[in-house]
């Protein structure tokens, strides 16, 4: 229910529960079960390794599409996180992802 009504998802450093919520939301967005909204990871030092693993393993093994990385944003600045959410709605996030997927194929 947390994800269903969300307009943006801002995650700070966390453990298994945070990762569970992150990946649950990404799967729902990726599979079109919910409308796209930004998933923002705050704390680049904490999240960089995960982002690298996603790019180096999941994309390299073709387990996710390269455009799926566009579902994630990393920042250290809370104001930037707010701007990412705001920009998403001004630019229509779902269309941005669809355009990237079309360009990748």
PDB file of N, CA and C in Angstrom:
ATOM      1  N   UNK A   1       0.815  -1.191   0.000  1.00  0.00           N
ATOM      2  CA  UNK A   1       0.000   0.000   0.000  1.00  0.00           C
ATOM      3  C   UNK A   1       0.860   1.257   0.000  1.00  0.00           C
ATOM      4  N   UNK A   2       2.050   1.177   0.569  1.00  0.00           N
ATOM      5  CA  UNK A   2       2.942   2.337   0.591  1.00  0.00           C
ATOM      6  C   UNK A   2       3.237   2.813  -0.819  1.00  0.00           C
ATOM      7  N   UNK A   3       3.504   1.893  -1.705  1.00  0.00           N
ATOM      8  CA  UNK A   3       3.916   2.234  -3.067  1.00  0.00           C
ATOM      9  C   UNK A   3       2.734   2.671  -3.925  1.00  0.00           C
ATOM     10  N   UNK A   4       1.563   2.089  -3.710  1.00  0.00           N
ATOM     11  CA  UNK A   4       0.413   2.356  -4.569  1.00  0.00           C
ATOM     12  C   UNK A   4       0.064   3.841  -4.652  1.00  0.00           C
ATOM     13  N   UNK A   5       0.131   4.553  -3.559  1.00  0.00           N
ATOM     14  CA  UNK A   5      -0.253   5.963  -3.545  1.00  0.00           C
ATOM     15  C   UNK A   5       0.944   6.904  -3.683  1.00  0.00           C
ATOM     16  N   UNK A   6       2.120   6.350  -3.880  1.00  0.00           N
ATOM     17  CA  UNK A   6       3.341   7.165  -3.900  1.00  0.00           C
ATOM     18  C   UNK A   6       3.443   8.011  -5.161  1.00  0.00           C
ATOM     19  N   UNK A   7       4.015   9.189  -4.997  1.00  0.00           N
ATOM     20  CA  UNK A   7       4.325  10.067  -6.121  1.00  0.00           C
ATOM     21  C   UNK A   7       5.824  10.220  -6.286  1.00  0.00           C
ATOM     22  N   UNK A   8       6.559   9.658  -5.390  1.00  0.00           N
ATOM     23  CA  UNK A   8       8.010   9.651  -5.413  1.00  0.00           C
ATOM     24  C   UNK A   8       8.462   8.784  -4.264  1.00  0.00           C
ATOM     25  N   UNK A   9       9.626   8.223  -4.397  1.00  0.00           N
ATOM     26  CA  UNK A   9      10.135   7.325  -3.375  1.00  0.00           C
ATOM     27  C   UNK A   9      11.551   7.779  -3.062  1.00  0.00           C
ATOM     28  N   UNK A  10      11.762   8.324  -1.888  1.00  0.00           N
ATOM     29  CA  UNK A  10      13.075   8.802  -1.481  1.00  0.00           C
ATOM     30  C   UNK A  10      13.560   7.889  -0.363  1.00  0.00           C
ATOM     31  N   UNK A  11      14.675   7.205  -0.630  1.00  0.00           N
ATOM     32  CA  UNK A  11      15.210   6.252   0.334  1.00  0.00           C
ATOM     33  C   UNK A  11      16.551   6.718   0.854  1.00  0.00           C
ATOM     34  N   UNK A  12      16.683   6.697   2.165  1.00  0.00           N
ATOM     35  CA  UNK A  12      17.958   6.997   2.804  1.00  0.00           C
ATOM     36  C   UNK A  12      18.645   5.674   3.113  1.00  0.00           C
ATOM     37  N   UNK A  13      19.832   5.744   3.641  1.00  0.00           N
ATOM     38  CA  UNK A  13      20.580   4.537   3.954  1.00  0.00           C
ATOM     39  C   UNK A  13      19.729   3.596   4.789  1.00  0.00           C
ATOM     40  N   UNK A  14      19.784   2.323   4.464  1.00  0.00           N
ATOM     41  CA  UNK A  14      18.975   1.350   5.183  1.00  0.00           C
ATOM     42  C   UNK A  14      19.439  -0.064   4.908  1.00  0.00           C
ATOM     43  N   UNK A  15      18.710  -0.992   5.477  1.00  0.00           N
ATOM     44  CA  UNK A  15      19.057  -2.402   5.366  1.00  0.00           C
ATOM     45  C   UNK A  15      18.062  -3.175   4.518  1.00  0.00           C
ATOM     46  N   UNK A  16      17.761  -4.390   4.966  1.00  0.00           N
ATOM     47  CA  UNK A  16      16.917  -5.282   4.177  1.00  0.00           C
ATOM     48  C   UNK A  16      15.517  -4.723   3.923  1.00  0.00           C
ATOM     49  N   UNK A  17      14.917  -4.080   4.910  1.00  0.00           N
ATOM     50  CA  UNK A  17      13.585  -3.516   4.719  1.00  0.00           C
ATOM     51  C   UNK A  17      13.583  -2.441   3.662  1.00  0.00           C
ATOM     52  N   UNK A  18      14.603  -1.597   3.682  1.00  0.00           N
ATOM     53  CA  UNK A  18      14.720  -0.529   2.689  1.00  0.00           C
ATOM     54  C   UNK A  18      14.931  -1.128   1.302  1.00  0.00           C
ATOM     55  N   UNK A  19      15.798  -2.126   1.213  1.00  0.00           N
ATOM     56  CA  UNK A  19      16.033  -2.783  -0.073  1.00  0.00           C
ATOM     57  C   UNK A  19      14.766  -3.467  -0.575  1.00  0.00           C
ATOM     58  N   UNK A  20      14.020  -4.076   0.331  1.00  0.00           N
ATOM     59  CA  UNK A  20      12.770  -4.735  -0.039  1.00  0.00           C
ATOM     60  C   UNK A  20      11.802  -3.728  -0.651  1.00  0.00           C
ATOM     61  N   UNK A  21      11.621  -2.591   0.003  1.00  0.00           N
ATOM     62  CA  UNK A  21      10.717  -1.566  -0.516  1.00  0.00           C
ATOM     63  C   UNK A  21      11.217  -1.019  -1.851  1.00  0.00           C
ATOM     64  N   UNK A  22      12.523  -0.815  -1.966  1.00  0.00           N
ATOM     65  CA  UNK A  22      13.102  -0.310  -3.206  1.00  0.00           C
ATOM     66  C   UNK A  22      12.819  -1.264  -4.358  1.00  0.00           C
ATOM     67  N   UNK A  23      13.185  -2.525  -4.202  1.00  0.00           N
ATOM     68  CA  UNK A  23      13.039  -3.464  -5.303  1.00  0.00           C
ATOM     69  C   UNK A  23      11.580  -3.779  -5.590  1.00  0.00           C
ATOM     70  N   UNK A  24      10.739  -3.784  -4.565  1.00  0.00           N
ATOM     71  CA  UNK A  24       9.311  -3.973  -4.808  1.00  0.00           C
ATOM     72  C   UNK A  24       8.773  -2.848  -5.684  1.00  0.00           C
ATOM     73  N   UNK A  25       9.132  -1.622  -5.365  1.00  0.00           N
ATOM     74  CA  UNK A  25       8.641  -0.494  -6.162  1.00  0.00           C
ATOM     75  C   UNK A  25       9.198  -0.548  -7.579  1.00  0.00           C
ATOM     76  N   UNK A  26      10.468  -0.895  -7.739  1.00  0.00           N
ATOM     77  CA  UNK A  26      11.054  -0.973  -9.081  1.00  0.00           C
ATOM     78  C   UNK A  26      10.385  -2.040  -9.937  1.00  0.00           C
ATOM     79  N   UNK A  27      10.081  -3.179  -9.343  1.00  0.00           N
ATOM     80  CA  UNK A  27       9.406  -4.247 -10.086  1.00  0.00           C
ATOM     81  C   UNK A  27       8.016  -3.806 -10.515  1.00  0.00           C
ATOM     82  N   UNK A  28       7.283  -3.157  -9.618  1.00  0.00           N
ATOM     83  CA  UNK A  28       5.939  -2.698  -9.962  1.00  0.00           C
ATOM     84  C   UNK A  28       5.970  -1.651 -11.072  1.00  0.00           C
ATOM     85  N   UNK A  29       6.952  -0.770 -11.046  1.00  0.00           N
ATOM     86  CA  UNK A  29       7.101   0.217 -12.109  1.00  0.00           C
ATOM     87  C   UNK A  29       7.518  -0.479 -13.404  1.00  0.00           C
ATOM     88  N   UNK A  30       8.522  -1.331 -13.300  1.00  0.00           N
ATOM     89  CA  UNK A  30       9.080  -2.016 -14.472  1.00  0.00           C
ATOM     90  C   UNK A  30       8.016  -2.847 -15.194  1.00  0.00           C
ATOM     91  N   UNK A  31       7.153  -3.481 -14.446  1.00  0.00           N
ATOM     92  CA  UNK A  31       6.150  -4.359 -15.042  1.00  0.00           C
ATOM     93  C   UNK A  31       4.848  -3.633 -15.370  1.00  0.00           C
ATOM     94  N   UNK A  32       4.800  -2.333 -15.127  1.00  0.00           N
ATOM     95  CA  UNK A  32       3.625  -1.552 -15.466  1.00  0.00           C
ATOM     96  C   UNK A  32       2.444  -1.728 -14.530  1.00  0.00           C
ATOM     97  N   UNK A  33       2.671  -2.288 -13.361  1.00  0.00           N
ATOM     98  CA  UNK A  33       1.590  -2.475 -12.389  1.00  0.00           C
ATOM     99  C   UNK A  33       1.203  -1.162 -11.724  1.00  0.00           C
ATOM    100  N   UNK A  34       2.153  -0.250 -11.638  1.00  0.00           N
ATOM    101  CA  UNK A  34       1.886   1.085 -11.120  1.00  0.00           C
ATOM    102  C   UNK A  34       2.508   2.088 -12.077  1.00  0.00           C
ATOM    103  N   UNK A  35       2.027   3.313 -12.014  1.00  0.00           N
ATOM    104  CA  UNK A  35       2.582   4.359 -12.859  1.00  0.00           C
ATOM    105  C   UNK A  35       3.993   4.703 -12.393  1.00  0.00           C
ATOM    106  N   UNK A  36       4.841   5.046 -13.334  1.00  0.00           N
ATOM    107  CA  UNK A  36       6.226   5.372 -12.999  1.00  0.00           C
ATOM    108  C   UNK A  36       6.288   6.564 -12.063  1.00  0.00           C
ATOM    109  N   UNK A  37       7.127   6.457 -11.053  1.00  0.00           N
ATOM    110  CA  UNK A  37       7.478   7.585 -10.212  1.00  0.00           C
ATOM    111  C   UNK A  37       8.959   7.458  -9.897  1.00  0.00           C
ATOM    112  N   UNK A  38       9.602   8.536  -9.518  1.00  0.00           N
ATOM    113  CA  UNK A  38      11.046   8.469  -9.283  1.00  0.00           C
ATOM    114  C   UNK A  38      11.389   7.729  -7.992  1.00  0.00           C
ATOM    115  N   UNK A  39      12.427   6.926  -8.063  1.00  0.00           N
ATOM    116  CA  UNK A  39      13.003   6.269  -6.893  1.00  0.00           C
ATOM    117  C   UNK A  39      14.378   6.896  -6.686  1.00  0.00           C
ATOM    118  N   UNK A  40      14.506   7.640  -5.606  1.00  0.00           N
ATOM    119  CA  UNK A  40      15.708   8.419  -5.361  1.00  0.00           C
ATOM    120  C   UNK A  40      16.440   7.861  -4.151  1.00  0.00           C
ATOM    121  N   UNK A  41      17.704   7.552  -4.337  1.00  0.00           N
ATOM    122  CA  UNK A  41      18.541   7.026  -3.268  1.00  0.00           C
ATOM    123  C   UNK A  41      19.412   8.162  -2.756  1.00  0.00           C
ATOM    124  N   UNK A  42      19.253   8.507  -1.482  1.00  0.00           N
ATOM    125  CA  UNK A  42      19.998   9.607  -0.887  1.00  0.00           C
ATOM    126  C   UNK A  42      21.179   9.018  -0.113  1.00  0.00           C
ATOM    127  N   UNK A  43      22.368   9.464  -0.466  1.00  0.00           N
ATOM    128  CA  UNK A  43      23.597   8.981   0.155  1.00  0.00           C
ATOM    129  C   UNK A  43      24.404   8.184  -0.849  1.00  0.00           C
ATOM    130  N   UNK A  44      25.066   8.888  -1.758  1.00  0.00           N
ATOM    131  CA  UNK A  44      25.750   8.202  -2.854  1.00  0.00           C
ATOM    132  C   UNK A  44      26.817   7.222  -2.368  1.00  0.00           C
ATOM    133  N   UNK A  45      27.502   7.544  -1.303  1.00  0.00           N
ATOM    134  CA  UNK A  45      28.527   6.625  -0.803  1.00  0.00           C
ATOM    135  C   UNK A  45      27.903   5.285  -0.402  1.00  0.00           C
ATOM    136  N   UNK A  46      26.735   5.352   0.210  1.00  0.00           N
ATOM    137  CA  UNK A  46      26.041   4.130   0.633  1.00  0.00           C
ATOM    138  C   UNK A  46      25.497   3.337  -0.555  1.00  0.00           C
ATOM    139  N   UNK A  47      24.948   4.026  -1.561  1.00  0.00           N
ATOM    140  CA  UNK A  47      24.226   3.370  -2.642  1.00  0.00           C
ATOM    141  C   UNK A  47      25.054   3.094  -3.891  1.00  0.00           C
ATOM    142  N   UNK A  48      26.235   3.690  -4.023  1.00  0.00           N
ATOM    143  CA  UNK A  48      27.033   3.514  -5.243  1.00  0.00           C
ATOM    144  C   UNK A  48      27.317   2.055  -5.573  1.00  0.00           C
ATOM    145  N   UNK A  49      27.630   1.259  -4.583  1.00  0.00           N
ATOM    146  CA  UNK A  49      27.941  -0.155  -4.829  1.00  0.00           C
ATOM    147  C   UNK A  49      26.757  -0.905  -5.404  1.00  0.00           C
ATOM    148  N   UNK A  50      25.569  -0.608  -4.905  1.00  0.00           N
ATOM    149  CA  UNK A  50      24.365  -1.250  -5.434  1.00  0.00           C
ATOM    150  C   UNK A  50      24.133  -0.836  -6.878  1.00  0.00           C
ATOM    151  N   UNK A  51      24.263   0.450  -7.139  1.00  0.00           N
ATOM    152  CA  UNK A  51      24.074   0.948  -8.510  1.00  0.00           C
ATOM    153  C   UNK A  51      25.097   0.305  -9.451  1.00  0.00           C
ATOM    154  N   UNK A  52      26.355   0.210  -9.014  1.00  0.00           N
ATOM    155  CA  UNK A  52      27.388  -0.438  -9.830  1.00  0.00           C
ATOM    156  C   UNK A  52      27.024  -1.890 -10.107  1.00  0.00           C
ATOM    157  N   UNK A  53      26.570  -2.605  -9.080  1.00  0.00           N
ATOM    158  CA  UNK A  53      26.204  -4.012  -9.234  1.00  0.00           C
ATOM    159  C   UNK A  53      25.056  -4.170 -10.231  1.00  0.00           C
ATOM    160  N   UNK A  54      24.073  -3.296 -10.137  1.00  0.00           N
ATOM    161  CA  UNK A  54      22.953  -3.337 -11.078  1.00  0.00           C
ATOM    162  C   UNK A  54      23.462  -3.173 -12.505  1.00  0.00           C
ATOM    163  N   UNK A  55      24.340  -2.201 -12.710  1.00  0.00           N
ATOM    164  CA  UNK A  55      24.861  -1.946 -14.054  1.00  0.00           C
ATOM    165  C   UNK A  55      25.806  -3.048 -14.527  1.00  0.00           C
ATOM    166  N   UNK A  56      26.700  -3.493 -13.651  1.00  0.00           N
ATOM    167  CA  UNK A  56      27.725  -4.457 -14.052  1.00  0.00           C
ATOM    168  C   UNK A  56      27.225  -5.890 -14.123  1.00  0.00           C
ATOM    169  N   UNK A  57      26.248  -6.228 -13.326  1.00  0.00           N
ATOM    170  CA  UNK A  57      25.760  -7.609 -13.304  1.00  0.00           C
ATOM    171  C   UNK A  57      24.407  -7.775 -13.993  1.00  0.00           C
ATOM    172  N   UNK A  58      23.408  -7.043 -13.533  1.00  0.00           N
ATOM    173  CA  UNK A  58      22.061  -7.259 -14.049  1.00  0.00           C
ATOM    174  C   UNK A  58      21.930  -6.854 -15.510  1.00  0.00           C
ATOM    175  N   UNK A  59      22.483  -5.714 -15.867  1.00  0.00           N
ATOM    176  CA  UNK A  59      22.418  -5.293 -17.266  1.00  0.00           C
ATOM    177  C   UNK A  59      23.345  -6.151 -18.123  1.00  0.00           C
ATOM    178  N   UNK A  60      24.540  -6.398 -17.625  1.00  0.00           N
ATOM    179  CA  UNK A  60      25.501  -7.208 -18.388  1.00  0.00           C
ATOM    180  C   UNK A  60      24.961  -8.605 -18.671  1.00  0.00           C
ATOM    181  N   UNK A  61      24.221  -9.158 -17.726  1.00  0.00           N
ATOM    182  CA  UNK A  61      23.647 -10.504 -17.902  1.00  0.00           C
ATOM    183  C   UNK A  61      22.282 -10.462 -18.593  1.00  0.00           C
ATOM    184  N   UNK A  62      21.856  -9.247 -18.995  1.00  0.00           N
ATOM    185  CA  UNK A  62      20.577  -9.033 -19.673  1.00  0.00           C
ATOM    186  C   UNK A  62      19.384  -9.495 -18.825  1.00  0.00           C
ATOM    187  N   UNK A  63      19.527  -9.299 -17.508  1.00  0.00           N
ATOM    188  CA  UNK A  63      18.434  -9.620 -16.601  1.00  0.00           C
ATOM    189  C   UNK A  63      17.468  -8.452 -16.455  1.00  0.00           C
ATOM    190  N   UNK A  64      17.951  -7.251 -16.749  1.00  0.00           N
ATOM    191  CA  UNK A  64      17.102  -6.061 -16.844  1.00  0.00           C
ATOM    192  C   UNK A  64      17.559  -5.287 -18.072  1.00  0.00           C
ATOM    193  N   UNK A  65      16.702  -4.413 -18.542  1.00  0.00           N
ATOM    194  CA  UNK A  65      17.036  -3.590 -19.699  1.00  0.00           C
ATOM    195  C   UNK A  65      17.872  -2.396 -19.264  1.00  0.00           C
ATOM    196  N   UNK A  66      18.756  -1.913 -20.113  1.00  0.00           N
ATOM    197  CA  UNK A  66      19.534  -0.719 -19.767  1.00  0.00           C
ATOM    198  C   UNK A  66      18.657   0.462 -19.344  1.00  0.00           C
ATOM    199  N   UNK A  67      17.494   0.601 -19.950  1.00  0.00           N
ATOM    200  CA  UNK A  67      16.597   1.705 -19.593  1.00  0.00           C
ATOM    201  C   UNK A  67      16.078   1.594 -18.164  1.00  0.00           C
ATOM    202  N   UNK A  68      16.104   0.391 -17.598  1.00  0.00           N
ATOM    203  CA  UNK A  68      15.623   0.218 -16.220  1.00  0.00           C
ATOM    204  C   UNK A  68      16.457   0.998 -15.214  1.00  0.00           C
ATOM    205  N   UNK A  69      17.707   1.275 -15.543  1.00  0.00           N
ATOM    206  CA  UNK A  69      18.562   2.060 -14.647  1.00  0.00           C
ATOM    207  C   UNK A  69      18.011   3.479 -14.502  1.00  0.00           C
ATOM    208  N   UNK A  70      17.271   3.930 -15.501  1.00  0.00           N
ATOM    209  CA  UNK A  70      16.670   5.261 -15.442  1.00  0.00           C
ATOM    210  C   UNK A  70      15.627   5.374 -14.332  1.00  0.00           C
ATOM    211  N   UNK A  71      15.199   4.265 -13.788  1.00  0.00           N
ATOM    212  CA  UNK A  71      14.228   4.292 -12.696  1.00  0.00           C
ATOM    213  C   UNK A  71      14.856   4.790 -11.396  1.00  0.00           C
ATOM    214  N   UNK A  72      16.189   4.761 -11.314  1.00  0.00           N
ATOM    215  CA  UNK A  72      16.901   5.159 -10.092  1.00  0.00           C
ATOM    216  C   UNK A  72      17.649   6.469 -10.269  1.00  0.00           C
ATOM    217  N   UNK A  73      17.632   7.272  -9.223  1.00  0.00           N
ATOM    218  CA  UNK A  73      18.461   8.475  -9.166  1.00  0.00           C
ATOM    219  C   UNK A  73      19.231   8.441  -7.853  1.00  0.00           C
ATOM    220  N   UNK A  74      20.474   8.920  -7.886  1.00  0.00           N
ATOM    221  CA  UNK A  74      21.290   9.013  -6.675  1.00  0.00           C
ATOM    222  C   UNK A  74      21.636  10.467  -6.417  1.00  0.00           C
ATOM    223  N   UNK A  75      21.627  10.843  -5.140  1.00  0.00           N
ATOM    224  CA  UNK A  75      21.998  12.198  -4.766  1.00  0.00           C
ATOM    225  C   UNK A  75      22.431  12.232  -3.306  1.00  0.00           C
ATOM    226  N   UNK A  76      23.132  13.281  -2.964  1.00  0.00           N
ATOM    227  CA  UNK A  76      23.461  13.557  -1.564  1.00  0.00           C
ATOM    228  C   UNK A  76      22.681  14.763  -1.055  1.00  0.00           C
ATOM    229  N   UNK A  77      21.926  15.386  -1.932  1.00  0.00           N
ATOM    230  CA  UNK A  77      21.266  16.650  -1.637  1.00  0.00           C
ATOM    231  C   UNK A  77      19.747  16.473  -1.550  1.00  0.00           C
ATOM    232  N   UNK A  78      19.157  16.657  -0.366  1.00  0.00           N
ATOM    233  CA  UNK A  78      17.699  16.521  -0.241  1.00  0.00           C
ATOM    234  C   UNK A  78      16.928  17.455  -1.180  1.00  0.00           C
ATOM    235  N   UNK A  79      17.437  18.648  -1.412  1.00  0.00           N
ATOM    236  CA  UNK A  79      16.766  19.575  -2.328  1.00  0.00           C
ATOM    237  C   UNK A  79      16.760  19.016  -3.755  1.00  0.00           C
ATOM    238  N   UNK A  80      17.832  18.344  -4.129  1.00  0.00           N
ATOM    239  CA  UNK A  80      17.878  17.729  -5.459  1.00  0.00           C
ATOM    240  C   UNK A  80      16.855  16.595  -5.549  1.00  0.00           C
ATOM    241  N   UNK A  81      16.680  15.850  -4.469  1.00  0.00           N
ATOM    242  CA  UNK A  81      15.671  14.784  -4.459  1.00  0.00           C
ATOM    243  C   UNK A  81      14.282  15.366  -4.726  1.00  0.00           C
ATOM    244  N   UNK A  82      13.976  16.478  -4.103  1.00  0.00           N
ATOM    245  CA  UNK A  82      12.695  17.148  -4.324  1.00  0.00           C
ATOM    246  C   UNK A  82      12.581  17.587  -5.782  1.00  0.00           C
ATOM    247  N   UNK A  83      13.638  18.131  -6.333  1.00  0.00           N
ATOM    248  CA  UNK A  83      13.630  18.575  -7.731  1.00  0.00           C
ATOM    249  C   UNK A  83      13.413  17.409  -8.687  1.00  0.00           C
ATOM    250  N   UNK A  84      13.996  16.265  -8.377  1.00  0.00           N
ATOM    251  CA  UNK A  84      13.827  15.084  -9.239  1.00  0.00           C
ATOM    252  C   UNK A  84      12.360  14.684  -9.280  1.00  0.00           C
ATOM    253  N   UNK A  85      11.704  14.688  -8.124  1.00  0.00           N
ATOM    254  CA  UNK A  85      10.276  14.362  -8.082  1.00  0.00           C
ATOM    255  C   UNK A  85       9.482  15.409  -8.861  1.00  0.00           C
ATOM    256  N   UNK A  86       9.773  16.656  -8.616  1.00  0.00           N
ATOM    257  CA  UNK A  86       9.066  17.747  -9.300  1.00  0.00           C
ATOM    258  C   UNK A  86       9.277  17.652 -10.817  1.00  0.00           C
ATOM    259  N   UNK A  87      10.517  17.459 -11.245  1.00  0.00           N
ATOM    260  CA  UNK A  87      10.816  17.359 -12.675  1.00  0.00           C
ATOM    261  C   UNK A  87      10.105  16.173 -13.317  1.00  0.00           C
ATOM    262  N   UNK A  88      10.013  15.088 -12.581  1.00  0.00           N
ATOM    263  CA  UNK A  88       9.354  13.895 -13.103  1.00  0.00           C
ATOM    264  C   UNK A  88       7.927  14.213 -13.525  1.00  0.00           C
ATOM    265  N   UNK A  89       7.233  14.934 -12.695  1.00  0.00           N
ATOM    266  CA  UNK A  89       5.842  15.241 -13.007  1.00  0.00           C
ATOM    267  C   UNK A  89       5.698  16.323 -14.054  1.00  0.00           C
ATOM    268  N   UNK A  90       6.649  17.197 -14.157  1.00  0.00           N
ATOM    269  CA  UNK A  90       6.602  18.207 -15.206  1.00  0.00           C
ATOM    270  C   UNK A  90       6.929  17.604 -16.568  1.00  0.00           C
ATOM    271  N   UNK A  91       7.741  16.563 -16.583  1.00  0.00           N
ATOM    272  CA  UNK A  91       8.192  15.965 -17.843  1.00  0.00           C
ATOM    273  C   UNK A  91       7.503  14.645 -18.175  1.00  0.00           C
ATOM    274  N   UNK A  92       6.606  14.192 -17.326  1.00  0.00           N
ATOM    275  CA  UNK A  92       5.919  12.916 -17.526  1.00  0.00           C
ATOM    276  C   UNK A  92       6.911  11.751 -17.489  1.00  0.00           C
ATOM    277  N   UNK A  93       7.189  11.276 -16.314  1.00  0.00           N
ATOM    278  CA  UNK A  93       8.186  10.216 -16.090  1.00  0.00           C
ATOM    279  C   UNK A  93       7.957   8.982 -16.948  1.00  0.00           C
ATOM    280  N   UNK A  94       6.731   8.537 -17.027  1.00  0.00           N
ATOM    281  CA  UNK A  94       6.460   7.318 -17.779  1.00  0.00           C
ATOM    282  C   UNK A  94       6.889   7.471 -19.228  1.00  0.00           C
ATOM    283  N   UNK A  95       6.657   8.624 -19.803  1.00  0.00           N
ATOM    284  CA  UNK A  95       7.031   8.846 -21.195  1.00  0.00           C
ATOM    285  C   UNK A  95       8.547   8.854 -21.349  1.00  0.00           C
ATOM    286  N   UNK A  96       9.267   9.403 -20.387  1.00  0.00           N
ATOM    287  CA  UNK A  96      10.732   9.437 -20.436  1.00  0.00           C
ATOM    288  C   UNK A  96      11.275   8.012 -20.486  1.00  0.00           C
ATOM    289  N   UNK A  97      10.752   7.124 -19.652  1.00  0.00           N
ATOM    290  CA  UNK A  97      11.213   5.733 -19.627  1.00  0.00           C
ATOM    291  C   UNK A  97      10.828   5.023 -20.918  1.00  0.00           C
ATOM    292  N   UNK A  98       9.608   5.217 -21.403  1.00  0.00           N
ATOM    293  CA  UNK A  98       9.195   4.587 -22.664  1.00  0.00           C
ATOM    294  C   UNK A  98      10.070   5.031 -23.819  1.00  0.00           C
ATOM    295  N   UNK A  99      10.400   6.312 -23.876  1.00  0.00           N
ATOM    296  CA  UNK A  99      11.266   6.825 -24.940  1.00  0.00           C
ATOM    297  C   UNK A  99      12.656   6.193 -24.866  1.00  0.00           C
ATOM    298  N   UNK A 100      13.196   6.041 -23.662  1.00  0.00           N
ATOM    299  CA  UNK A 100      14.516   5.425 -23.498  1.00  0.00           C
ATOM    300  C   UNK A 100      14.480   3.958 -23.911  1.00  0.00           C
ATOM    301  N   UNK A 101      13.414   3.262 -23.570  1.00  0.00           N
ATOM    302  CA  UNK A 101      13.297   1.853 -23.954  1.00  0.00           C
ATOM    303  C   UNK A 101      13.198   1.724 -25.467  1.00  0.00           C
ATOM    304  N   UNK A 102      12.448   2.591 -26.097  1.00  0.00           N
ATOM    305  CA  UNK A 102      12.302   2.549 -27.554  1.00  0.00           C
ATOM    306  C   UNK A 102      13.646   2.822 -28.234  1.00  0.00           C
ATOM    307  N   UNK A 103      14.403   3.763 -27.685  1.00  0.00           N
ATOM    308  CA  UNK A 103      15.703   4.090 -28.259  1.00  0.00           C
ATOM    309  C   UNK A 103      16.700   2.941 -28.084  1.00  0.00           C
ATOM    310  N   UNK A 104      16.560   2.192 -27.005  1.00  0.00           N
ATOM    311  CA  UNK A 104      17.490   1.099 -26.726  1.00  0.00           C
ATOM    312  C   UNK A 104      17.219  -0.126 -27.616  1.00  0.00           C
ATOM    313  N   UNK A 105      16.007  -0.228 -28.139  1.00  0.00           N
ATOM    314  CA  UNK A 105      15.691  -1.429 -28.944  1.00  0.00           C
ATOM    315  C   UNK A 105      15.940  -1.239 -30.408  1.00  0.00           C
TER     316      UNK A 105
END
